[in-house]
Amino acid sequence: MTYVVTDNCIACKYTDCVEVCPVDCFYEGENMLVIHPDECIDCGVCEPECPADAIRPDTEPEMENWVEFNRKYSEQWPVIVTKKDPLPEADERDGEEGKMDKYFSEAAGEGG
């Protein structure tokens, strides 16, 4: 099992999760985070830390695509281990439908 970041992180990018991760398996894109599924040790400490409820276990239905999505971008984006401020529109975008089509960016974040 692994944990993955889903589309509710897009345009929010809360980073509370990165501070509790014992193996530094979060990677930063311009407007979201992902988890490297091969580095995640399945401890689950990140899931309750996410204010947007964007982190899910891969055992939930229909998570296969998210595992591959997280793998793809974790191999392209820099690791992030330090908490940063969420994106300015995070509160208003939290829970919004269709965020992948509206806001997703393949650009890398700064990491750190």
C-alpha atoms as a PDB file:
ATOM      1  CA  MET A   1       0.000   0.000   0.000  1.00  0.00           C
ATOM      2  CA  THR A   2       1.002   3.609  -0.551  1.00  0.00           C
ATOM      3  CA  TYR A   3      -0.606   6.983  -0.107  1.00  0.00           C
ATOM      4  CA  VAL A   4      -1.223   9.324  -3.026  1.00  0.00           C
ATOM      5  CA  VAL A   5      -2.165  12.954  -3.491  1.00  0.00           C
ATOM      6  CA  THR A   6      -5.372  13.530  -5.442  1.00  0.00           C
ATOM      7  CA  ASP A   7      -6.839  16.482  -7.344  1.00  0.00           C
ATOM      8  CA  ASN A   8      -8.117  18.349  -4.306  1.00  0.00           C
ATOM      9  CA  CYS A   9      -4.521  19.444  -3.675  1.00  0.00           C
ATOM     10  CA  ILE A  10      -4.499  21.346  -6.979  1.00  0.00           C
ATOM     11  CA  ALA A  11      -4.680  25.122  -6.453  1.00  0.00           C
ATOM     12  CA  CYS A  12      -4.454  24.657  -2.667  1.00  0.00           C
ATOM     13  CA  LYS A  13      -1.029  23.077  -2.036  1.00  0.00           C
ATOM     14  CA  TYR A  14      -1.143  22.891   1.727  1.00  0.00           C
ATOM     15  CA  THR A  15       2.194  21.541   2.935  1.00  0.00           C
ATOM     16  CA  ASP A  16       1.328  20.426   6.469  1.00  0.00           C
ATOM     17  CA  CYS A  17       1.938  16.858   5.254  1.00  0.00           C
ATOM     18  CA  VAL A  18       5.593  17.330   4.341  1.00  0.00           C
ATOM     19  CA  GLU A  19       6.639  18.179   7.886  1.00  0.00           C
ATOM     20  CA  VAL A  20       5.360  14.900   9.320  1.00  0.00           C
ATOM     21  CA  CYS A  21       6.657  12.608   6.557  1.00  0.00           C
ATOM     22  CA  PRO A  22       9.505  10.499   7.992  1.00  0.00           C
ATOM     23  CA  VAL A  23      10.932   9.573   4.572  1.00  0.00           C
ATOM     24  CA  ASP A  24      10.666  12.837   2.598  1.00  0.00           C
ATOM     25  CA  CYS A  25       8.632  11.350  -0.250  1.00  0.00           C
ATOM     26  CA  PHE A  26       6.670  14.502  -1.184  1.00  0.00           C
ATOM     27  CA  TYR A  27       7.485  16.372  -4.368  1.00  0.00           C
ATOM     28  CA  GLU A  28       6.410  19.891  -5.289  1.00  0.00           C
ATOM     29  CA  GLY A  29       4.752  21.072  -8.448  1.00  0.00           C
ATOM     30  CA  GLU A  30       3.795  24.640  -9.200  1.00  0.00           C
ATOM     31  CA  ASN A  31       0.329  24.238  -7.702  1.00  0.00           C
ATOM     32  CA  MET A  32       0.169  20.817  -5.991  1.00  0.00           C
ATOM     33  CA  LEU A  33       2.200  18.107  -4.279  1.00  0.00           C
ATOM     34  CA  VAL A  34       2.614  14.416  -5.083  1.00  0.00           C
ATOM     35  CA  ILE A  35       3.951  11.403  -3.176  1.00  0.00           C
ATOM     36  CA  HIS A  36       6.484   9.044  -4.734  1.00  0.00           C
ATOM     37  CA  PRO A  37       4.671   5.696  -4.367  1.00  0.00           C
ATOM     38  CA  ASP A  38       7.911   3.696  -4.260  1.00  0.00           C
ATOM     39  CA  GLU A  39       9.336   5.827  -1.437  1.00  0.00           C
ATOM     40  CA  CYS A  40       6.205   6.007   0.723  1.00  0.00           C
ATOM     41  CA  ILE A  41       6.427   3.614   3.688  1.00  0.00           C
ATOM     42  CA  ASP A  42       2.660   3.558   4.226  1.00  0.00           C
ATOM     43  CA  CYS A  43       2.841   5.037   7.704  1.00  0.00           C
ATOM     44  CA  GLY A  44      -0.238   7.199   7.114  1.00  0.00           C
ATOM     45  CA  VAL A  45       0.836  10.162   9.244  1.00  0.00           C
ATOM     46  CA  CYS A  46       0.380  12.564   6.319  1.00  0.00           C
ATOM     47  CA  GLU A  47      -3.273  11.740   5.612  1.00  0.00           C
ATOM     48  CA  PRO A  48      -4.848  13.425   8.682  1.00  0.00           C
ATOM     49  CA  GLU A  49      -2.537  16.440   8.310  1.00  0.00           C
ATOM     50  CA  CYS A  50      -4.012  17.500   4.958  1.00  0.00           C
ATOM     51  CA  PRO A  51      -6.608  20.266   5.473  1.00  0.00           C
ATOM     52  CA  ALA A  52      -7.984  19.594   1.954  1.00  0.00           C
ATOM     53  CA  ASP A  53      -8.377  15.820   2.480  1.00  0.00           C
ATOM     54  CA  ALA A  54      -6.361  15.296  -0.707  1.00  0.00           C
ATOM     55  CA  ILE A  55      -4.225  12.370   0.511  1.00  0.00           C
ATOM     56  CA  ARG A  56      -5.759   8.929   0.079  1.00  0.00           C
ATOM     57  CA  PRO A  57      -4.542   5.333   0.461  1.00  0.00           C
ATOM     58  CA  ASP A  58      -4.150   3.473  -2.808  1.00  0.00           C
ATOM     59  CA  THR A  59      -6.474   0.769  -1.488  1.00  0.00           C
ATOM     60  CA  GLU A  60      -9.505   2.998  -2.056  1.00  0.00           C
ATOM     61  CA  PRO A  61     -11.507   2.468  -5.259  1.00  0.00           C
ATOM     62  CA  GLU A  62     -10.243   4.100  -8.451  1.00  0.00           C
ATOM     63  CA  MET A  63      -6.830   5.090  -7.079  1.00  0.00           C
ATOM     64  CA  GLU A  64      -4.745   3.269  -9.732  1.00  0.00           C
ATOM     65  CA  ASN A  65      -4.585   6.348 -11.964  1.00  0.00           C
ATOM     66  CA  TRP A  66      -3.525   8.499  -9.021  1.00  0.00           C
ATOM     67  CA  VAL A  67      -0.677   6.117  -8.186  1.00  0.00           C
ATOM     68  CA  GLU A  68       0.694   6.511 -11.716  1.00  0.00           C
ATOM     69  CA  PHE A  69       0.061  10.263 -11.692  1.00  0.00           C
ATOM     70  CA  ASN A  70       1.992  10.622  -8.419  1.00  0.00           C
ATOM     71  CA  ARG A  71       4.818   8.416  -9.739  1.00  0.00           C
ATOM     72  CA  LYS A  72       5.131  10.410 -12.964  1.00  0.00           C
ATOM     73  CA  TYR A  73       5.369  13.823 -11.344  1.00  0.00           C
ATOM     74  CA  SER A  74       7.469  12.741  -8.352  1.00  0.00           C
ATOM     75  CA  GLU A  75      10.121  11.757 -10.873  1.00  0.00           C
ATOM     76  CA  GLN A  76       9.993  15.228 -12.475  1.00  0.00           C
ATOM     77  CA  TRP A  77       9.475  17.617  -9.558  1.00  0.00           C
ATOM     78  CA  PRO A  78      11.845  18.514  -6.679  1.00  0.00           C
ATOM     79  CA  VAL A  79      11.482  17.037  -3.204  1.00  0.00           C
ATOM     80  CA  ILE A  80       9.877  19.238  -0.558  1.00  0.00           C
ATOM     81  CA  VAL A  81      10.555  18.737   3.158  1.00  0.00           C
ATOM     82  CA  THR A  82       9.723  22.143   4.634  1.00  0.00           C
ATOM     83  CA  LYS A  83       6.262  23.554   5.249  1.00  0.00           C
ATOM     84  CA  LYS A  84       5.348  26.590   3.146  1.00  0.00           C
ATOM     85  CA  ASP A  85       2.298  28.819   2.999  1.00  0.00           C
ATOM     86  CA  PRO A  86      -0.572  27.404   0.931  1.00  0.00           C
ATOM     87  CA  LEU A  87      -1.498  29.079  -2.329  1.00  0.00           C
ATOM     88  CA  PRO A  88      -3.412  32.360  -1.868  1.00  0.00           C
ATOM     89  CA  GLU A  89      -6.657  30.898  -3.235  1.00  0.00           C
ATOM     90  CA  ALA A  90      -6.422  27.659  -1.199  1.00  0.00           C
ATOM     91  CA  ASP A  91      -9.447  28.255   1.038  1.00  0.00           C
ATOM     92  CA  GLU A  92     -11.772  29.141  -1.841  1.00  0.00           C
ATOM     93  CA  ARG A  93     -10.519  26.288  -4.085  1.00  0.00           C
ATOM     94  CA  ASP A  94     -10.700  23.573  -1.399  1.00  0.00           C
ATOM     95  CA  GLY A  95     -13.303  21.022  -2.488  1.00  0.00           C
ATOM     96  CA  GLU A  96     -13.952  22.624  -5.871  1.00  0.00           C
ATOM     97  CA  GLU A  97     -14.898  20.182  -8.642  1.00  0.00           C
ATOM     98  CA  GLY A  98     -12.944  19.897 -11.904  1.00  0.00           C
ATOM     99  CA  LYS A  99      -9.664  21.262 -10.586  1.00  0.00           C
ATOM    100  CA  MET A 100      -7.561  19.023 -12.832  1.00  0.00           C
ATOM    101  CA  ASP A 101      -9.027  20.522 -16.003  1.00  0.00           C
ATOM    102  CA  LYS A 102      -9.166  24.080 -14.686  1.00  0.00           C
ATOM    103  CA  TYR A 103      -5.906  24.557 -12.793  1.00  0.00           C
ATOM    104  CA  PHE A 104      -3.379  21.718 -13.008  1.00  0.00           C
ATOM    105  CA  SER A 105       0.135  22.754 -14.036  1.00  0.00           C
ATOM    106  CA  GLU A 106       2.904  20.325 -14.999  1.00  0.00           C
ATOM    107  CA  ALA A 107       5.504  22.921 -14.025  1.00  0.00           C
ATOM    108  CA  ALA A 108       7.809  22.087 -11.139  1.00  0.00           C
ATOM    109  CA  GLY A 109       7.718  23.935  -7.857  1.00  0.00           C
ATOM    110  CA  GLU A 110      10.749  25.268  -6.000  1.00  0.00           C
ATOM    111  CA  GLY A 111      11.174  22.306  -3.657  1.00  0.00           C
ATOM    112  CA  GLY A 112      12.938  22.789  -0.402  1.00  0.00           C
END
